[in-house]
Amino acid sequence: MLLVVGALTDVLVAAQTRSDLDTRLQARAAVAAQLVEQGVRQGELVRQVESPTSSRS
C-alpha cells in the first residue's frame, strides 16, 4: 500500500511540475512577443526574458 501511495505521489508531483514549467514558458513567450512588438533589440530581449523576474504581463 505504501508503495502505491509513493508512486501516486511521484506521478502527481511530476504532473504539477510540468504544469508549472509550461505556465512559466507561456508567460516568457508572451513577454518576448511584447518586447518584439516594442522593437526591443535581441540582446535586451534575451536578457529580459531570461531574467528570473521576467513576469511583465
PDB file of N, CA and C in Angstrom:
ATOM      1  N   MET A   1       0.822  -1.199   0.000  1.00  0.00           N
ATOM      2  CA  MET A   1       0.000   0.000   0.000  1.00  0.00           C
ATOM      3  C   MET A   1       0.864   1.260   0.000  1.00  0.00           C
ATOM      4  N   LEU A   2       1.915   1.250   0.837  1.00  0.00           N
ATOM      5  CA  LEU A   2       2.819   2.397   0.918  1.00  0.00           C
ATOM      6  C   LEU A   2       3.507   2.654  -0.416  1.00  0.00           C
ATOM      7  N   LEU A   3       3.845   1.585  -1.118  1.00  0.00           N
ATOM      8  CA  LEU A   3       4.471   1.709  -2.429  1.00  0.00           C
ATOM      9  C   LEU A   3       3.528   2.397  -3.420  1.00  0.00           C
ATOM     10  N   VAL A   4       2.262   2.056  -3.387  1.00  0.00           N
ATOM     11  CA  VAL A   4       1.264   2.662  -4.268  1.00  0.00           C
ATOM     12  C   VAL A   4       1.107   4.155  -3.961  1.00  0.00           C
ATOM     13  N   VAL A   5       1.051   4.486  -2.684  1.00  0.00           N
ATOM     14  CA  VAL A   5       0.927   5.889  -2.280  1.00  0.00           C
ATOM     15  C   VAL A   5       2.154   6.678  -2.737  1.00  0.00           C
ATOM     16  N   GLY A   6       3.339   6.101  -2.570  1.00  0.00           N
ATOM     17  CA  GLY A   6       4.573   6.757  -3.004  1.00  0.00           C
ATOM     18  C   GLY A   6       4.599   6.977  -4.501  1.00  0.00           C
ATOM     19  N   ALA A   7       4.201   5.965  -5.263  1.00  0.00           N
ATOM     20  CA  ALA A   7       4.190   6.079  -6.714  1.00  0.00           C
ATOM     21  C   ALA A   7       3.163   7.117  -7.171  1.00  0.00           C
ATOM     22  N   LEU A   8       1.997   7.118  -6.551  1.00  0.00           N
ATOM     23  CA  LEU A   8       0.961   8.091  -6.902  1.00  0.00           C
ATOM     24  C   LEU A   8       1.427   9.515  -6.587  1.00  0.00           C
ATOM     25  N   THR A   9       2.094   9.680  -5.475  1.00  0.00           N
ATOM     26  CA  THR A   9       2.634  10.994  -5.103  1.00  0.00           C
ATOM     27  C   THR A   9       3.646  11.463  -6.144  1.00  0.00           C
ATOM     28  N   ASP A  10       4.531  10.579  -6.574  1.00  0.00           N
ATOM     29  CA  ASP A  10       5.517  10.921  -7.600  1.00  0.00           C
ATOM     30  C   ASP A  10       4.842  11.358  -8.894  1.00  0.00           C
ATOM     31  N   VAL A  11       3.814  10.657  -9.299  1.00  0.00           N
ATOM     32  CA  VAL A  11       3.092  10.991 -10.533  1.00  0.00           C
ATOM     33  C   VAL A  11       2.433  12.368 -10.408  1.00  0.00           C
ATOM     34  N   LEU A  12       1.799  12.623  -9.275  1.00  0.00           N
ATOM     35  CA  LEU A  12       1.121  13.908  -9.087  1.00  0.00           C
ATOM     36  C   LEU A  12       2.103  15.071  -9.025  1.00  0.00           C
ATOM     37  N   VAL A  13       3.218  14.880  -8.345  1.00  0.00           N
ATOM     38  CA  VAL A  13       4.237  15.938  -8.263  1.00  0.00           C
ATOM     39  C   VAL A  13       4.820  16.203  -9.645  1.00  0.00           C
ATOM     40  N   ALA A  14       5.094  15.170 -10.401  1.00  0.00           N
ATOM     41  CA  ALA A  14       5.640  15.341 -11.749  1.00  0.00           C
ATOM     42  C   ALA A  14       4.649  16.091 -12.647  1.00  0.00           C
ATOM     43  N   ALA A  15       3.377  15.779 -12.545  1.00  0.00           N
ATOM     44  CA  ALA A  15       2.360  16.459 -13.355  1.00  0.00           C
ATOM     45  C   ALA A  15       2.270  17.929 -12.979  1.00  0.00           C
ATOM     46  N   GLN A  16       2.325  18.247 -11.699  1.00  0.00           N
ATOM     47  CA  GLN A  16       2.271  19.638 -11.252  1.00  0.00           C
ATOM     48  C   GLN A  16       3.511  20.403 -11.704  1.00  0.00           C
ATOM     49  N   THR A  17       4.660  19.760 -11.637  1.00  0.00           N
ATOM     50  CA  THR A  17       5.903  20.393 -12.072  1.00  0.00           C
ATOM     51  C   THR A  17       5.847  20.723 -13.560  1.00  0.00           C
ATOM     52  N   ARG A  18       5.364  19.792 -14.367  1.00  0.00           N
ATOM     53  CA  ARG A  18       5.225  20.047 -15.812  1.00  0.00           C
ATOM     54  C   ARG A  18       4.264  21.200 -16.061  1.00  0.00           C
ATOM     55  N   SER A  19       3.188  21.234 -15.325  1.00  0.00           N
ATOM     56  CA  SER A  19       2.208  22.304 -15.475  1.00  0.00           C
ATOM     57  C   SER A  19       2.821  23.653 -15.118  1.00  0.00           C
ATOM     58  N   ASP A  20       3.578  23.705 -14.023  1.00  0.00           N
ATOM     59  CA  ASP A  20       4.235  24.946 -13.605  1.00  0.00           C
ATOM     60  C   ASP A  20       5.243  25.411 -14.654  1.00  0.00           C
ATOM     61  N   LEU A  21       6.022  24.480 -15.176  1.00  0.00           N
ATOM     62  CA  LEU A  21       7.008  24.834 -16.196  1.00  0.00           C
ATOM     63  C   LEU A  21       6.335  25.338 -17.470  1.00  0.00           C
ATOM     64  N   ASP A  22       5.250  24.703 -17.847  1.00  0.00           N
ATOM     65  CA  ASP A  22       4.513  25.126 -19.037  1.00  0.00           C
ATOM     66  C   ASP A  22       3.956  26.537 -18.853  1.00  0.00           C
ATOM     67  N   THR A  23       3.436  26.814 -17.668  1.00  0.00           N
ATOM     68  CA  THR A  23       2.902  28.146 -17.375  1.00  0.00           C
ATOM     69  C   THR A  23       3.998  29.195 -17.468  1.00  0.00           C
ATOM     70  N   ARG A  24       5.167  28.894 -16.897  1.00  0.00           N
ATOM     71  CA  ARG A  24       6.277  29.858 -16.958  1.00  0.00           C
ATOM     72  C   ARG A  24       6.766  30.055 -18.383  1.00  0.00           C
ATOM     73  N   LEU A  25       6.823  28.980 -19.159  1.00  0.00           N
ATOM     74  CA  LEU A  25       7.250  29.086 -20.550  1.00  0.00           C
ATOM     75  C   LEU A  25       6.278  29.954 -21.347  1.00  0.00           C
ATOM     76  N   GLN A  26       4.988  29.753 -21.150  1.00  0.00           N
ATOM     77  CA  GLN A  26       3.989  30.567 -21.850  1.00  0.00           C
ATOM     78  C   GLN A  26       4.092  32.034 -21.458  1.00  0.00           C
ATOM     79  N   ALA A  27       4.354  32.311 -20.193  1.00  0.00           N
ATOM     80  CA  ALA A  27       4.497  33.696 -19.738  1.00  0.00           C
ATOM     81  C   ALA A  27       5.715  34.347 -20.374  1.00  0.00           C
ATOM     82  N   ARG A  28       6.811  33.633 -20.430  1.00  0.00           N
ATOM     83  CA  ARG A  28       8.022  34.183 -21.057  1.00  0.00           C
ATOM     84  C   ARG A  28       7.832  34.389 -22.554  1.00  0.00           C
ATOM     85  N   ALA A  29       7.115  33.496 -23.203  1.00  0.00           N
ATOM     86  CA  ALA A  29       6.842  33.668 -24.627  1.00  0.00           C
ATOM     87  C   ALA A  29       5.992  34.912 -24.863  1.00  0.00           C
ATOM     88  N   ALA A  30       5.042  35.156 -23.984  1.00  0.00           N
ATOM     89  CA  ALA A  30       4.193  36.353 -24.103  1.00  0.00           C
ATOM     90  C   ALA A  30       5.022  37.617 -23.903  1.00  0.00           C
ATOM     91  N   VAL A  31       5.933  37.590 -22.934  1.00  0.00           N
ATOM     92  CA  VAL A  31       6.815  38.742 -22.703  1.00  0.00           C
ATOM     93  C   VAL A  31       7.681  38.978 -23.926  1.00  0.00           C
ATOM     94  N   ALA A  32       8.225  37.920 -24.468  1.00  0.00           N
ATOM     95  CA  ALA A  32       9.076  38.043 -25.663  1.00  0.00           C
ATOM     96  C   ALA A  32       8.291  38.645 -26.826  1.00  0.00           C
ATOM     97  N   ALA A  33       7.068  38.212 -27.016  1.00  0.00           N
ATOM     98  CA  ALA A  33       6.243  38.751 -28.102  1.00  0.00           C
ATOM     99  C   ALA A  33       5.994  40.247 -27.893  1.00  0.00           C
ATOM    100  N   GLN A  34       5.718  40.652 -26.661  1.00  0.00           N
ATOM    101  CA  GLN A  34       5.509  42.074 -26.364  1.00  0.00           C
ATOM    102  C   GLN A  34       6.769  42.877 -26.652  1.00  0.00           C
ATOM    103  N   LEU A  35       7.913  42.348 -26.258  1.00  0.00           N
ATOM    104  CA  LEU A  35       9.170  43.053 -26.470  1.00  0.00           C
ATOM    105  C   LEU A  35       9.490  43.181 -27.954  1.00  0.00           C
ATOM    106  N   VAL A  36       9.219  42.142 -28.728  1.00  0.00           N
ATOM    107  CA  VAL A  36       9.440  42.199 -30.167  1.00  0.00           C
ATOM    108  C   VAL A  36       8.552  43.271 -30.786  1.00  0.00           C
ATOM    109  N   GLU A  37       7.287  43.328 -30.376  1.00  0.00           N
ATOM    110  CA  GLU A  37       6.365  44.347 -30.889  1.00  0.00           C
ATOM    111  C   GLU A  37       6.847  45.748 -30.549  1.00  0.00           C
ATOM    112  N   GLN A  38       7.531  45.893 -29.416  1.00  0.00           N
ATOM    113  CA  GLN A  38       8.044  47.195 -28.991  1.00  0.00           C
ATOM    114  C   GLN A  38       9.367  47.545 -29.659  1.00  0.00           C
ATOM    115  N   GLY A  39       9.913  46.609 -30.421  1.00  0.00           N
ATOM    116  CA  GLY A  39      11.161  46.868 -31.133  1.00  0.00           C
ATOM    117  C   GLY A  39      12.411  46.739 -30.281  1.00  0.00           C
ATOM    118  N   VAL A  40      12.329  45.976 -29.204  1.00  0.00           N
ATOM    119  CA  VAL A  40      13.487  45.773 -28.329  1.00  0.00           C
ATOM    120  C   VAL A  40      14.527  44.950 -29.083  1.00  0.00           C
ATOM    121  N   ARG A  41      15.783  45.354 -28.944  1.00  0.00           N
ATOM    122  CA  ARG A  41      16.882  44.638 -29.620  1.00  0.00           C
ATOM    123  C   ARG A  41      17.060  43.243 -29.037  1.00  0.00           C
ATOM    124  N   GLN A  42      17.673  42.378 -29.839  1.00  0.00           N
ATOM    125  CA  GLN A  42      17.801  40.962 -29.467  1.00  0.00           C
ATOM    126  C   GLN A  42      18.477  40.745 -28.121  1.00  0.00           C
ATOM    127  N   GLY A  43      19.609  41.393 -27.887  1.00  0.00           N
ATOM    128  CA  GLY A  43      20.335  41.190 -26.639  1.00  0.00           C
ATOM    129  C   GLY A  43      19.507  41.566 -25.424  1.00  0.00           C
ATOM    130  N   GLU A  44      18.822  42.698 -25.509  1.00  0.00           N
ATOM    131  CA  GLU A  44      17.979  43.145 -24.395  1.00  0.00           C
ATOM    132  C   GLU A  44      16.776  42.223 -24.231  1.00  0.00           C
ATOM    133  N   LEU A  45      16.223  41.767 -25.346  1.00  0.00           N
ATOM    134  CA  LEU A  45      15.085  40.843 -25.295  1.00  0.00           C
ATOM    135  C   LEU A  45      15.476  39.569 -24.548  1.00  0.00           C
ATOM    136  N   VAL A  46      16.615  39.006 -24.916  1.00  0.00           N
ATOM    137  CA  VAL A  46      17.078  37.778 -24.262  1.00  0.00           C
ATOM    138  C   VAL A  46      17.315  38.039 -22.781  1.00  0.00           C
ATOM    139  N   ARG A  47      17.944  39.155 -22.464  1.00  0.00           N
ATOM    140  CA  ARG A  47      18.235  39.492 -21.069  1.00  0.00           C
ATOM    141  C   ARG A  47      16.942  39.586 -20.254  1.00  0.00           C
ATOM    142  N   GLN A  48      15.947  40.243 -20.812  1.00  0.00           N
ATOM    143  CA  GLN A  48      14.687  40.408 -20.077  1.00  0.00           C
ATOM    144  C   GLN A  48      13.901  39.108 -19.956  1.00  0.00           C
ATOM    145  N   VAL A  49      13.908  38.311 -21.012  1.00  0.00           N
ATOM    146  CA  VAL A  49      13.148  37.048 -20.980  1.00  0.00           C
ATOM    147  C   VAL A  49      13.818  36.023 -20.076  1.00  0.00           C
ATOM    148  N   GLU A  50      15.150  36.013 -20.029  1.00  0.00           N
ATOM    149  CA  GLU A  50      15.859  35.062 -19.181  1.00  0.00           C
ATOM    150  C   GLU A  50      15.891  35.473 -17.721  1.00  0.00           C
ATOM    151  N   SER A  51      15.573  36.721 -17.451  1.00  0.00           N
ATOM    152  CA  SER A  51      15.589  37.237 -16.088  1.00  0.00           C
ATOM    153  C   SER A  51      14.586  36.469 -15.218  1.00  0.00           C
ATOM    154  N   PRO A  52      14.953  36.156 -13.968  1.00  0.00           N
ATOM    155  CA  PRO A  52      14.028  35.438 -13.088  1.00  0.00           C
ATOM    156  C   PRO A  52      12.754  36.249 -12.801  1.00  0.00           C
ATOM    157  N   THR A  53      12.808  37.535 -12.989  1.00  0.00           N
ATOM    158  CA  THR A  53      11.645  38.388 -12.732  1.00  0.00           C
ATOM    159  C   THR A  53      11.049  38.880 -14.050  1.00  0.00           C
ATOM    160  N   SER A  54      10.996  37.993 -15.042  1.00  0.00           N
ATOM    161  CA  SER A  54      10.530  38.394 -16.367  1.00  0.00           C
ATOM    162  C   SER A  54       9.012  38.358 -16.513  1.00  0.00           C
ATOM    163  N   SER A  55       8.284  38.386 -15.435  1.00  0.00           N
ATOM    164  CA  SER A  55       6.821  38.336 -15.490  1.00  0.00           C
ATOM    165  C   SER A  55       6.262  39.756 -15.634  1.00  0.00           C
ATOM    166  N   ARG A  56       6.399  40.321 -16.824  1.00  0.00           N
ATOM    167  CA  ARG A  56       5.941  41.675 -17.089  1.00  0.00           C
ATOM    168  C   ARG A  56       4.479  41.725 -17.465  1.00  0.00           C
ATOM    169  N   SER A  57       3.830  40.582 -17.585  1.00  0.00           N
ATOM    170  CA  SER A  57       2.428  40.557 -18.029  1.00  0.00           C
ATOM    171  C   SER A  57       1.468  40.988 -16.972  1.00  0.00           C
TER     172      SER A  57
END
